[in-house]
Amino acid sequence: MKDRRVKRLRAADAERAVRAIDEIKGENPGLDYMRQFLSREANVLIAASDGDAPTGYLIAYLLDRVDADRQMLCIYEIEVSESHRRTGIARAMINSLKDLCRQLDASKAWVITNRSNRAAVQLYSSTGAHCEPAGDEIMFVWNAEQWTS
């Protein structure tokens, strides 16, 4: 990959973001929505490309803390095109995210995954993250259909 780029996208990059998500995930969020999404400072989308071809993207959210005057960052999704997996793209996107965290003086970044997702566990460990013991913690999820009940 001679022209590999990893960059945080902004509203002006909405077309690139839509193309990356559409080509890699098979979902098209729409250009207007993507411009709105990328215009919010708390929304982070880092994209990787090889020349003009999208190869990966990472979505994360900056979260304010009530107990500290520093934000933290939650990684929501990392996707790499099948043809570019195991080539360092996910690692490069996480390193870009870590640079952003340094610039923002974020207190921490975190991500949730399953122990059975060995590729994710290896990726996060290899980029300096540590696995906190689960202990008695469990995760609950509410789906949109439940908002009215």
Protein backbone atom coordinates (compact mmCIF):
# COMPACT_ATOMS: atom_id res chain seq x y z
CA MET A 1 0.00 0.00 0.00
CA LYS A 2 1.96 2.97 -1.20
CA ASP A 3 -0.70 5.66 -0.66
CA ARG A 4 -2.30 4.55 2.62
CA ARG A 5 -4.02 7.36 4.50
CA VAL A 6 -5.69 7.42 7.90
CA LYS A 7 -7.52 10.57 8.87
CA ARG A 8 -10.32 11.91 11.03
CA LEU A 9 -13.11 12.97 8.73
CA ARG A 10 -15.08 16.21 9.11
CA ALA A 11 -18.30 17.49 7.53
CA ALA A 12 -16.41 18.47 4.35
CA ASP A 13 -15.38 14.80 4.03
CA ALA A 14 -18.95 13.46 4.16
CA GLU A 15 -18.81 11.90 0.68
CA ARG A 16 -15.68 9.96 1.62
CA ALA A 17 -17.33 8.77 4.84
CA VAL A 18 -20.49 7.61 3.05
CA ARG A 19 -18.44 5.76 0.46
CA ALA A 20 -16.34 4.02 3.13
CA ILE A 21 -19.35 2.85 5.12
CA ASP A 22 -21.26 1.83 2.01
CA GLU A 23 -18.39 -0.11 0.43
CA ILE A 24 -17.13 -1.76 3.61
CA LYS A 25 -20.35 -2.36 5.55
CA GLY A 26 -22.92 -2.30 2.76
CA GLU A 27 -24.98 0.44 4.40
CA ASN A 28 -25.48 3.94 3.04
CA PRO A 29 -26.18 6.48 5.79
CA GLY A 30 -26.93 9.27 3.29
CA LEU A 31 -24.88 12.35 2.53
CA ASP A 32 -26.99 14.89 4.45
CA TYR A 33 -27.05 12.75 7.57
CA MET A 34 -23.30 12.14 7.34
CA ARG A 35 -22.62 15.89 7.08
CA GLN A 36 -24.66 16.42 10.26
CA PHE A 37 -22.96 13.51 12.03
CA LEU A 38 -19.48 14.74 11.18
CA SER A 39 -20.29 18.34 12.12
CA ARG A 40 -20.73 17.32 15.77
CA GLU A 41 -17.41 17.52 17.61
CA ALA A 42 -18.34 14.59 19.85
CA ASN A 43 -18.69 12.24 16.87
CA VAL A 44 -15.42 10.80 15.63
CA LEU A 45 -15.05 8.96 12.34
CA ILE A 46 -11.55 7.95 11.31
CA ALA A 47 -11.21 6.50 7.82
CA ALA A 48 -8.42 4.57 6.17
CA SER A 49 -7.83 4.37 2.45
CA ASP A 50 -5.39 3.00 -0.05
CA GLY A 51 -5.27 5.63 -2.76
CA ASP A 52 -8.93 6.41 -3.46
CA ALA A 53 -10.20 3.04 -2.20
CA PRO A 54 -11.69 2.99 1.30
CA THR A 55 -10.13 0.24 3.42
CA GLY A 56 -11.49 0.85 6.90
CA TYR A 57 -13.28 3.13 9.32
CA LEU A 58 -13.57 3.61 13.05
CA ILE A 59 -16.48 5.33 14.81
CA ALA A 60 -16.10 6.66 18.34
CA TYR A 61 -17.86 9.12 20.63
CA LEU A 62 -16.41 11.69 23.00
CA LEU A 63 -18.25 11.61 26.31
CA ASP A 64 -18.29 14.23 29.03
CA ARG A 65 -17.76 13.09 32.59
CA VAL A 66 -19.64 14.47 35.55
CA ASP A 67 -16.85 13.65 38.00
CA ALA A 68 -13.94 15.09 36.05
CA ASP A 69 -13.22 17.96 33.69
CA ARG A 70 -11.85 15.57 31.05
CA GLN A 71 -13.65 13.69 28.35
CA MET A 72 -13.38 9.98 27.67
CA LEU A 73 -13.85 8.25 24.38
CA CYS A 74 -15.96 5.19 23.55
CA ILE A 75 -15.02 3.21 20.44
CA TYR A 76 -18.28 2.03 18.92
CA GLU A 77 -17.26 0.28 15.72
CA ILE A 78 -14.18 -0.68 13.72
CA GLU A 79 -14.53 -2.13 10.24
CA VAL A 80 -11.83 -3.11 7.74
CA SER A 81 -12.54 -4.35 4.23
CA GLU A 82 -12.02 -8.10 3.91
CA SER A 83 -9.27 -7.63 1.34
CA HIS A 84 -7.25 -5.46 3.75
CA ARG A 85 -7.61 -7.31 7.04
CA ARG A 86 -4.44 -8.26 8.93
CA THR A 87 -2.47 -5.48 7.19
CA GLY A 88 -2.23 -2.98 10.07
CA ILE A 89 -5.16 -0.76 9.08
CA ALA A 90 -7.14 -1.24 12.31
CA ARG A 91 -3.97 -0.63 14.33
CA ALA A 92 -3.27 2.57 12.34
CA MET A 93 -6.82 3.83 12.98
CA ILE A 94 -6.52 3.11 16.71
CA ASN A 95 -3.15 4.90 16.80
CA SER A 96 -4.81 7.88 15.12
CA LEU A 97 -7.52 7.75 17.77
CA LYS A 98 -4.89 7.62 20.52
CA ASP A 99 -3.27 10.74 19.00
CA LEU A 100 -6.66 12.47 19.13
CA CYS A 101 -7.08 11.42 22.78
CA ARG A 102 -3.67 12.96 23.56
CA GLN A 103 -4.60 16.20 21.77
CA LEU A 104 -7.89 16.41 23.68
CA ASP A 105 -6.33 15.33 27.00
CA ALA A 106 -8.99 12.61 27.25
CA SER A 107 -8.91 10.61 30.47
CA LYS A 108 -9.31 7.28 28.70
CA ALA A 109 -10.70 5.45 25.70
CA TRP A 110 -12.65 2.21 25.99
CA VAL A 111 -14.37 -0.40 23.90
CA ILE A 112 -16.59 -3.38 24.62
CA THR A 113 -16.08 -6.69 22.86
CA ASN A 114 -16.52 -10.38 23.52
CA ARG A 115 -13.70 -12.61 24.76
CA SER A 116 -14.65 -14.97 21.92
CA ASN A 117 -13.76 -12.24 19.37
CA ARG A 118 -10.10 -13.23 19.33
CA ALA A 119 -9.15 -10.83 16.51
CA ALA A 120 -10.52 -7.85 18.44
CA VAL A 121 -8.92 -8.96 21.71
CA GLN A 122 -5.56 -9.34 19.98
CA LEU A 123 -5.91 -5.97 18.23
CA TYR A 124 -6.81 -4.04 21.37
CA SER A 125 -4.09 -5.75 23.42
CA SER A 126 -1.47 -5.11 20.75
CA THR A 127 -2.28 -1.38 20.74
CA GLY A 128 -1.71 -0.99 24.48
CA ALA A 129 -5.21 -1.48 25.86
CA HIS A 130 -5.69 -3.66 28.90
CA CYS A 131 -8.65 -5.85 29.67
CA GLU A 132 -10.33 -4.87 32.91
CA PRO A 133 -11.74 -7.79 34.88
CA ALA A 134 -15.43 -8.30 34.26
CA GLY A 135 -16.19 -9.34 37.81
CA ASP A 136 -19.86 -8.87 38.49
CA GLU A 137 -20.46 -6.55 35.55
CA ILE A 138 -23.12 -7.27 32.95
CA MET A 139 -24.41 -5.20 30.06
CA PHE A 140 -28.08 -4.35 29.49
CA VAL A 141 -29.39 -3.05 26.17
CA TRP A 142 -32.63 -1.24 25.33
CA ASN A 143 -33.76 -1.34 21.70
CA ALA A 144 -35.65 1.49 20.02
CA GLU A 145 -38.87 -0.53 19.91
CA GLN A 146 -38.96 -0.27 23.71
CA TRP A 147 -39.00 3.54 23.92
CA THR A 148 -42.81 3.61 24.05
CA SER A 149 -43.32 0.88 26.63
